[in-house]
Structures are given as structure tokens and as C-alpha cells.
């Protein structure tokens, strides 16, 4: 009974923290842009609230901010990308998508498999909330995996970005999904996973 009460209290704290984060995000993005000071404020909030920052979708924002401030500063290009991410989050506090198809609407492997990095080959499709493609590929390489640009017989995982475009079926992103389907019909066991599932595996 005590354990259940503790879990409920923890859940309430996390929910309150997420609501606070969404309020902060909406305040930052109200003018449609992000200043260096606002980016710093978000980064500080993330560090001060680790219990919330590890939960989806706060964990995607937290990791994006970590990467931005690796060099100790935030440039104009990074602020523009951050503004795009914050706009999505402000409009969709439970996640990302902006009314567009999310990864869960696409041919994701069910149940989602364990993600193993060592010796496995990854291909990323769509726009990643985590950060630019090179940042995602670096996470794979740092864990002993292989990152490639296109699907082939060596591909083990295709990671579908949370910020999928509305016209995904007519874009190169949609073409990538078609390739996966074709390889699957030939018996190549490529797993398609959501960005959220991939990010959880990083930790």
C-alpha cells in the first residue's frame, strides 16, 4: 500500500513537472523565436528537474539542449531549430507531430524490440526531435553501432523521427519506408522503431 502511494505521488510530481515545462516552453516560444537567454533558461530547468527531464517528451528536449550547449554557446541556427522543436511541443504537450502522422501511424515493429547497438546497423528516417542527423548517428557510433544513409540487407533498425512530415508518403522518407517493406517481404528482418523507443534505449 505504501509503495503504491509512493508511486502515485511520484507520478503526480512528474505530471506537474511536465505541465510546468510546457508552460515554460509556451512562454519562450510565444514570440515565435528563441533567444540565447531563453535557451539557457530551458537548459537550467532541465538540469534542475532531472526526474521530469528523463520522461518523454521532456527527455527529447533535454537531450537536444545538452547537444546544443556542448560547446558552451547557442548560435542562430541552433536557436532556429530549437524554436521549431518548441513550437511542436507547445502545440502537442503529450508529444510531437503537429497533426501530422507520427511514427506510431507507420509500419513500426510490434511489439517494439530491444534496441542493441553493438555491431548493429541503423538508418534514420524523417526529422528527429533529438537533433540533427549527425548527432543521432554519433550516438550509434559511440555505442559500437553502424550508421548508414540508406536501407539495405545489412540494416538492422530503421528509426522513424518524431517530427514526420505530413506528406511523408510522397517524400524520400516515404520511399525509405517502402524499401523497408520490400526487404521485409524478402525475409530481411529489419526492425522499424520510433524515435521515442530509440531515445529510451540510449539511457
Protein backbone atom coordinates (compact mmCIF):
# COMPACT_ATOMS: atom_id res chain seq x y z
CA UNK A 1 0.00 0.00 0.00
CA UNK A 2 2.83 2.37 0.92
CA UNK A 3 4.64 1.53 -2.32
CA UNK A 4 1.54 2.28 -4.38
CA UNK A 5 1.04 5.63 -2.63
CA UNK A 6 4.69 6.48 -3.25
CA UNK A 7 4.34 5.66 -6.96
CA UNK A 8 1.21 7.78 -7.23
CA UNK A 9 2.95 10.72 -5.56
CA UNK A 10 5.90 10.33 -7.91
CA UNK A 11 3.57 10.22 -10.91
CA UNK A 12 1.81 13.39 -9.72
CA UNK A 13 5.15 15.19 -9.31
CA UNK A 14 6.21 14.18 -12.79
CA UNK A 15 2.88 15.27 -14.29
CA UNK A 16 3.13 18.62 -12.50
CA UNK A 17 6.71 18.97 -13.71
CA UNK A 18 5.72 18.24 -17.30
CA UNK A 19 2.91 20.79 -17.06
CA UNK A 20 5.41 23.33 -15.73
CA UNK A 21 7.77 22.55 -18.62
CA UNK A 22 5.00 23.01 -21.19
CA UNK A 23 4.12 26.37 -19.62
CA UNK A 24 7.76 27.42 -19.77
CA UNK A 25 8.04 26.28 -23.39
CA UNK A 26 4.90 28.18 -24.39
CA UNK A 27 6.24 31.32 -22.74
CA UNK A 28 9.56 31.02 -24.55
CA UNK A 29 8.04 30.41 -27.96
CA UNK A 30 5.22 32.98 -27.64
CA UNK A 31 7.05 35.42 -29.95
CA UNK A 32 7.99 32.66 -32.42
CA UNK A 33 11.71 32.70 -31.68
CA UNK A 34 14.22 31.65 -29.03
CA UNK A 35 16.91 33.92 -27.61
CA UNK A 36 20.19 32.63 -26.20
CA UNK A 37 18.99 33.60 -22.72
CA UNK A 38 15.77 31.63 -23.15
CA UNK A 39 17.69 28.59 -24.36
CA UNK A 40 19.91 28.84 -21.27
CA UNK A 41 16.84 29.09 -19.05
CA UNK A 42 15.38 25.92 -20.56
CA UNK A 43 18.70 24.14 -20.14
CA UNK A 44 18.90 25.17 -16.48
CA UNK A 45 15.33 23.99 -15.86
CA UNK A 46 16.18 20.64 -17.41
CA UNK A 47 19.22 20.20 -15.13
CA UNK A 48 17.27 21.27 -12.06
CA UNK A 49 14.43 18.82 -12.77
CA UNK A 50 16.11 15.51 -13.68
CA UNK A 51 13.11 13.44 -12.60
CA UNK A 52 11.00 15.15 -15.27
CA UNK A 53 13.76 15.61 -17.85
CA UNK A 54 14.12 11.85 -18.22
CA UNK A 55 10.44 11.37 -19.17
CA UNK A 56 9.02 11.63 -22.67
CA UNK A 57 8.73 14.14 -24.29
CA UNK A 58 10.91 16.18 -21.90
CA UNK A 59 13.81 13.77 -22.49
CA UNK A 60 13.95 14.70 -26.19
CA UNK A 61 14.10 18.40 -25.34
CA UNK A 62 16.66 17.77 -22.60
CA UNK A 63 18.99 15.86 -24.91
CA UNK A 64 18.63 18.46 -27.66
CA UNK A 65 19.67 21.16 -25.18
CA UNK A 66 22.61 19.05 -23.97
CA UNK A 67 23.92 18.79 -27.51
CA UNK A 68 23.39 22.49 -28.20
CA UNK A 69 25.43 23.52 -25.17
CA UNK A 70 28.29 21.05 -25.62
CA UNK A 71 30.40 23.96 -26.88
CA UNK A 72 29.06 26.30 -24.19
CA UNK A 73 27.03 28.51 -26.54
CA UNK A 74 24.00 28.54 -28.83
CA UNK A 75 24.18 30.01 -32.34
CA UNK A 76 21.43 31.32 -34.60
CA UNK A 77 20.98 28.08 -36.49
CA UNK A 78 20.63 26.11 -33.26
CA UNK A 79 18.10 28.61 -31.92
CA UNK A 80 16.03 28.32 -35.10
CA UNK A 81 15.94 24.52 -34.85
CA UNK A 82 15.15 24.72 -31.16
CA UNK A 83 12.27 27.11 -31.91
CA UNK A 84 10.81 24.57 -34.33
CA UNK A 85 11.00 21.83 -31.70
CA UNK A 86 9.45 24.05 -29.01
CA UNK A 87 6.60 25.03 -31.33
CA UNK A 88 5.79 21.35 -31.85
CA UNK A 89 5.92 20.70 -28.11
CA UNK A 90 3.81 23.75 -27.24
CA UNK A 91 1.10 22.59 -29.65
CA UNK A 92 1.32 18.92 -28.62
CA UNK A 93 2.20 18.73 -24.91
CA UNK A 94 1.86 14.94 -24.85
CA UNK A 95 4.40 14.51 -27.64
CA UNK A 96 5.20 15.61 -31.16
CA UNK A 97 3.53 15.56 -34.51
CA UNK A 98 1.57 18.75 -35.04
CA UNK A 99 -1.35 16.85 -36.56
CA UNK A 100 0.94 15.01 -38.95
CA UNK A 101 1.44 11.23 -38.99
CA UNK A 102 3.56 10.18 -36.06
CA UNK A 103 5.83 7.17 -36.12
CA UNK A 104 3.08 5.16 -34.46
CA UNK A 105 0.99 5.59 -37.63
CA UNK A 106 3.71 3.96 -39.75
CA UNK A 107 4.78 0.28 -40.05
CA UNK A 108 6.52 0.14 -36.68
CA UNK A 109 7.58 -3.31 -35.47
CA UNK A 110 5.19 -4.52 -32.74
CA UNK A 111 5.98 -5.19 -30.04
CA UNK A 112 8.92 -2.81 -30.29
CA UNK A 113 12.09 -4.90 -29.95
CA UNK A 114 15.01 -4.35 -27.61
CA UNK A 115 17.46 -1.95 -29.26
CA UNK A 116 21.01 -3.32 -29.31
CA UNK A 117 23.76 -1.01 -30.57
CA UNK A 118 26.94 -3.10 -30.64
CA UNK A 119 27.56 -4.28 -34.22
CA UNK A 120 24.06 -3.31 -35.40
CA UNK A 121 23.31 -1.08 -38.41
CA UNK A 122 20.93 1.89 -38.09
CA UNK A 123 19.23 4.11 -40.65
CA UNK A 124 17.32 7.24 -39.62
CA UNK A 125 14.20 8.45 -41.43
CA UNK A 126 12.21 11.65 -41.06
CA UNK A 127 13.15 14.58 -38.85
CA UNK A 128 14.44 13.66 -35.42
CA UNK A 129 13.34 15.70 -32.42
CA UNK A 130 16.55 14.52 -30.70
CA UNK A 131 18.70 16.63 -33.01
CA UNK A 132 20.31 16.73 -36.46
CA UNK A 133 21.18 13.50 -38.26
CA UNK A 134 24.90 13.64 -37.45
CA UNK A 135 24.11 13.87 -33.71
CA UNK A 136 21.89 10.78 -33.89
CA UNK A 137 24.47 8.86 -35.89
CA UNK A 138 27.18 9.81 -33.38
CA UNK A 139 25.13 8.25 -30.54
CA UNK A 140 25.02 5.00 -32.52
CA UNK A 141 28.74 5.07 -33.33
CA UNK A 142 29.68 5.84 -29.72
CA UNK A 143 27.85 2.67 -28.67
CA UNK A 144 29.59 0.41 -31.17
CA UNK A 145 26.90 0.51 -33.83
CA UNK A 146 26.97 1.41 -37.52
CA UNK A 147 25.04 4.29 -39.12
CA UNK A 148 24.17 4.25 -42.80
CA UNK A 149 22.21 6.58 -45.07
CA UNK A 150 20.06 4.03 -46.89
CA UNK A 151 18.31 0.74 -46.22
CA UNK A 152 19.97 -2.47 -47.43
CA UNK A 153 20.33 -6.11 -46.42
CA UNK A 154 22.71 -5.14 -43.59
CA UNK A 155 20.14 -2.83 -41.95
CA UNK A 156 19.01 -3.95 -38.50
CA UNK A 157 17.00 -0.91 -37.37
CA UNK A 158 15.21 1.97 -39.07
CA UNK A 159 14.44 4.77 -36.62
CA UNK A 160 11.44 6.94 -37.55
CA UNK A 161 11.80 10.55 -36.42
CA UNK A 162 9.07 12.03 -34.23
CA UNK A 163 8.67 15.07 -36.49
CA UNK A 164 7.41 13.18 -39.54
CA UNK A 165 6.31 15.41 -42.40
CA UNK A 166 2.65 15.47 -43.38
CA UNK A 167 3.43 14.35 -46.93
CA UNK A 168 5.71 11.51 -45.84
CA UNK A 169 4.30 9.06 -48.39
CA UNK A 170 5.43 11.28 -51.29
CA UNK A 171 8.88 12.12 -49.92
CA UNK A 172 12.21 10.34 -49.56
CA UNK A 173 11.02 9.46 -46.05
CA UNK A 174 8.08 7.57 -47.53
CA UNK A 175 10.44 5.93 -50.01
CA UNK A 176 12.56 4.67 -47.13
CA UNK A 177 9.51 3.05 -45.54
CA UNK A 178 8.67 1.43 -48.88
CA UNK A 179 12.19 0.00 -49.04
CA UNK A 180 11.80 -1.49 -45.58
CA UNK A 181 8.54 -3.15 -46.59
CA UNK A 182 10.16 -4.61 -49.72
CA UNK A 183 13.11 -6.03 -47.77
CA UNK A 184 10.78 -7.47 -45.16
CA UNK A 185 8.84 -9.35 -47.86
CA UNK A 186 12.18 -10.88 -48.93
CA UNK A 187 12.78 -12.17 -45.42
CA UNK A 188 15.21 -9.46 -44.22
CA UNK A 189 14.25 -8.86 -40.54
CA UNK A 190 14.55 -5.06 -40.39
CA UNK A 191 13.05 -3.59 -37.24
CA UNK A 192 11.29 -0.22 -37.53
CA UNK A 193 11.27 1.64 -34.22
CA UNK A 194 10.02 5.01 -33.05
CA UNK A 195 12.40 7.77 -32.06
CA UNK A 196 10.97 7.61 -28.54
CA UNK A 197 11.90 3.92 -28.26
CA UNK A 198 15.40 4.64 -29.62
CA UNK A 199 15.96 7.50 -27.17
CA UNK A 200 14.86 5.30 -24.25
CA UNK A 201 17.47 2.75 -25.36
CA UNK A 202 20.22 5.39 -25.17
CA UNK A 203 19.77 5.58 -21.41
